[in-house]
Amino acid sequence: MRKLALLLALAAGPAAATGIEIDVAGEADGTIAIDLFEDVAPNHVDRITSLAREGAYDEVVFHRVIEGFMAQTGDVSNGKLGSDLSRAGTGGSDRPDLEAEFSDRPFERGTIGMARSSDPDSANSQFFIMFAPAPHLNGGYTVVGEVTDGMDVVDAIKRGEGRNGAVTGRPDVIEAVRVTD
């Protein structure tokens, strides 16, 4: 009877949360832990975790980093270290773009959002991490998670130049991404 009660208690408990850990190298050096919001953006979380499990994000650079705003990465087709990085930020994965999953979650410091073009249904593999709140993004971009540890690593990511934040020289790079449950 005691075993049955324990099994029922475990089954009634909250589901394990999905997350990722991103190892970053360059000016930033360390690991960023992220809790993903599968209840808010299930299709986007599935895309990120699928690509992470396949190793698609490994060796992808932070190609657009704007001081006081955000750091963008995730271009798995054009953003790999060692490739022609002049095209970084123009690609995605070989999978179809995702329909927006907008929510009432605000873009605060540490929020993870999906990058997209002017078409709300154009997110694919790229994502960004907020350095500071950006209320103008609320309701217009898909929120997929939040940093739970490693904001010091995020804060150390090499900044880009100009209004678009293009990183010149050797950008910081994702060494590896692990999915955590």
Protein backbone atom coordinates (compact mmCIF):
# COMPACT_ATOMS: atom_id res chain seq x y z
CA MET A 1 0.00 0.00 0.00
CA ARG A 2 2.85 2.36 0.83
CA LYS A 3 4.41 1.76 -2.60
CA LEU A 4 1.09 2.54 -4.31
CA ALA A 5 0.77 5.81 -2.37
CA LEU A 6 4.32 6.79 -3.37
CA LEU A 7 3.63 6.01 -7.03
CA LEU A 8 0.42 8.04 -6.95
CA ALA A 9 2.20 10.97 -5.30
CA LEU A 10 4.92 10.91 -7.93
CA ALA A 11 2.40 10.70 -10.76
CA ALA A 12 0.42 13.62 -9.37
CA GLY A 13 3.53 15.82 -9.05
CA PRO A 14 4.51 18.44 -11.62
CA ALA A 15 5.92 17.26 -14.93
CA ALA A 16 9.65 17.58 -15.38
CA ALA A 17 10.55 20.89 -16.96
CA THR A 18 12.55 20.97 -20.17
CA GLY A 19 15.58 23.15 -20.44
CA ILE A 20 18.88 23.57 -22.21
CA GLU A 21 22.42 24.33 -21.15
CA ILE A 22 24.55 26.32 -23.57
CA ASP A 23 28.35 26.24 -23.30
CA VAL A 24 29.77 29.52 -24.64
CA ALA A 25 33.38 30.32 -25.55
CA GLY A 26 35.07 33.58 -26.52
CA GLU A 27 34.93 36.80 -24.53
CA ALA A 28 32.20 35.01 -22.62
CA ASP A 29 33.27 31.68 -21.18
CA GLY A 30 30.85 29.49 -19.29
CA THR A 31 27.45 27.86 -19.28
CA ILE A 32 24.00 29.42 -19.60
CA ALA A 33 21.11 27.40 -18.12
CA ILE A 34 17.69 28.05 -19.65
CA ASP A 35 14.22 26.91 -18.60
CA LEU A 36 12.06 26.42 -21.70
CA PHE A 37 8.34 27.21 -21.60
CA GLU A 38 6.78 24.20 -23.33
CA ASP A 39 3.37 25.26 -22.00
CA VAL A 40 3.69 28.69 -23.68
CA ALA A 41 5.41 27.85 -26.98
CA PRO A 42 5.37 24.06 -27.47
CA ASN A 43 6.27 24.08 -31.17
CA HIS A 44 9.18 26.49 -30.71
CA VAL A 45 10.49 24.55 -27.70
CA ASP A 46 10.24 21.32 -29.70
CA ARG A 47 12.24 22.93 -32.53
CA ILE A 48 15.00 24.19 -30.20
CA THR A 49 15.30 20.91 -28.32
CA SER A 50 15.27 18.83 -31.53
CA LEU A 51 18.03 20.92 -33.07
CA ALA A 52 19.99 20.85 -29.81
CA ARG A 53 19.76 17.06 -29.54
CA GLU A 54 21.05 16.78 -33.13
CA GLY A 55 24.03 19.04 -32.35
CA ALA A 56 22.85 21.64 -34.88
CA TYR A 57 23.64 24.57 -32.54
CA ASP A 58 27.19 23.40 -31.82
CA GLU A 59 29.78 25.88 -33.19
CA VAL A 60 27.11 28.49 -34.04
CA VAL A 61 28.18 32.10 -33.34
CA PHE A 62 26.45 34.99 -31.63
CA HIS A 63 26.23 37.09 -34.79
CA ARG A 64 24.13 40.05 -33.60
CA VAL A 65 24.73 41.52 -30.14
CA ILE A 66 23.37 44.94 -29.20
CA GLU A 67 24.48 46.54 -25.94
CA GLY A 68 21.54 47.09 -23.59
CA PHE A 69 19.20 45.03 -25.79
CA MET A 70 19.99 41.41 -26.74
CA ALA A 71 22.39 38.72 -28.03
CA GLN A 72 21.21 36.72 -31.06
CA THR A 73 22.40 33.30 -32.23
CA GLY A 74 21.04 30.07 -33.68
CA ASP A 75 21.60 30.40 -37.44
CA VAL A 76 22.38 26.72 -37.95
CA SER A 77 22.80 27.03 -41.72
CA ASN A 78 24.90 30.22 -42.07
CA GLY A 79 26.30 30.89 -38.61
CA LYS A 80 28.79 28.09 -38.02
CA LEU A 81 32.26 29.11 -36.89
CA GLY A 82 34.68 28.66 -39.78
CA SER A 83 32.10 29.43 -42.47
CA ASP A 84 31.52 32.73 -44.31
CA LEU A 85 30.04 34.64 -41.38
CA SER A 86 28.99 37.57 -43.58
CA ARG A 87 25.77 35.57 -44.11
CA ALA A 88 25.23 34.75 -40.41
CA GLY A 89 21.73 35.69 -39.39
CA THR A 90 20.19 35.11 -42.82
CA GLY A 91 19.39 31.43 -42.41
CA GLY A 92 17.71 28.83 -40.28
CA SER A 93 17.32 25.08 -40.30
CA ASP A 94 16.12 22.85 -43.12
CA ARG A 95 12.73 22.63 -41.39
CA PRO A 96 9.72 24.80 -42.24
CA ASP A 97 9.22 28.10 -40.43
CA LEU A 98 7.01 28.08 -37.33
CA GLU A 99 3.68 29.78 -36.74
CA ALA A 100 3.90 32.40 -34.00
CA GLU A 101 3.03 31.35 -30.46
CA PHE A 102 2.57 34.76 -28.90
CA SER A 103 1.78 35.00 -25.19
CA ASP A 104 1.41 37.55 -22.44
CA ARG A 105 4.91 36.76 -21.13
CA PRO A 106 6.95 39.97 -21.15
CA PHE A 107 10.44 40.44 -22.55
CA GLU A 108 12.51 41.01 -19.42
CA ARG A 109 16.21 40.65 -18.67
CA GLY A 110 17.08 36.99 -19.29
CA THR A 111 14.05 36.23 -21.49
CA ILE A 112 14.67 33.99 -24.50
CA GLY A 113 12.76 34.94 -27.66
CA MET A 114 12.61 33.55 -31.16
CA ALA A 115 14.10 35.69 -33.91
CA ARG A 116 12.04 36.18 -37.05
CA SER A 117 11.67 38.41 -40.11
CA SER A 118 8.82 40.90 -40.53
CA ASP A 119 6.50 37.90 -41.02
CA PRO A 120 5.27 36.81 -37.56
CA ASP A 121 5.24 33.19 -38.77
CA SER A 122 8.88 33.09 -39.89
CA ALA A 123 10.77 31.91 -36.78
CA ASN A 124 12.91 28.87 -37.45
CA SER A 125 16.09 28.19 -35.44
CA GLN A 126 17.44 31.58 -34.35
CA PHE A 127 16.82 32.91 -30.86
CA PHE A 128 17.94 35.81 -28.71
CA ILE A 129 18.65 36.46 -25.03
CA MET A 130 17.62 39.79 -23.51
CA PHE A 131 20.15 41.97 -21.66
CA ALA A 132 17.35 44.27 -20.48
CA PRO A 133 13.56 44.61 -20.62
CA ALA A 134 12.14 45.37 -24.08
CA PRO A 135 8.39 46.01 -23.74
CA HIS A 136 8.12 46.92 -27.43
CA LEU A 137 8.63 43.19 -28.22
CA ASN A 138 5.79 42.04 -25.95
CA GLY A 139 3.09 40.18 -27.85
CA GLY A 140 4.96 40.48 -31.15
CA TYR A 141 7.67 37.85 -30.71
CA THR A 142 7.45 34.34 -29.29
CA VAL A 143 8.86 33.92 -25.77
CA VAL A 144 10.37 30.45 -25.37
CA GLY A 145 12.15 30.55 -22.03
CA GLU A 146 14.30 32.34 -19.49
CA VAL A 147 17.85 32.17 -18.18
CA THR A 148 17.95 30.51 -14.77
CA ASP A 149 21.73 30.57 -14.32
CA GLY A 150 24.63 32.13 -16.19
CA MET A 151 23.48 35.71 -16.81
CA ASP A 152 27.07 36.69 -16.06
CA VAL A 153 28.04 34.64 -19.13
CA VAL A 154 25.32 36.36 -21.21
CA ASP A 155 26.55 39.76 -20.01
CA ALA A 156 30.09 38.93 -21.16
CA ILE A 157 29.16 38.00 -24.77
CA LYS A 158 31.15 40.05 -27.29
CA ARG A 159 29.17 43.09 -28.44
CA GLY A 160 28.57 44.01 -32.05
CA GLU A 161 28.90 47.37 -33.74
CA GLY A 162 26.46 49.82 -35.29
CA ARG A 163 22.68 49.90 -35.06
CA ASN A 164 22.27 46.29 -36.18
CA GLY A 165 24.85 44.97 -33.70
CA ALA A 166 26.81 42.91 -36.25
CA VAL A 167 29.73 41.22 -34.51
CA THR A 168 33.03 41.67 -36.32
CA GLY A 169 36.27 39.77 -35.89
CA ARG A 170 35.87 36.53 -33.95
CA PRO A 171 32.40 36.33 -32.38
CA ASP A 172 31.59 34.31 -29.29
CA VAL A 173 30.41 30.81 -30.13
CA ILE A 174 28.15 28.11 -28.76
CA GLU A 175 30.45 25.16 -28.13
CA ALA A 176 27.63 22.75 -27.26
CA VAL A 177 23.97 22.66 -26.21
CA ARG A 178 22.51 19.99 -23.93
CA VAL A 179 18.82 19.34 -23.38
CA THR A 180 17.93 18.89 -19.72
CA ASP A 181 14.74 17.41 -18.28
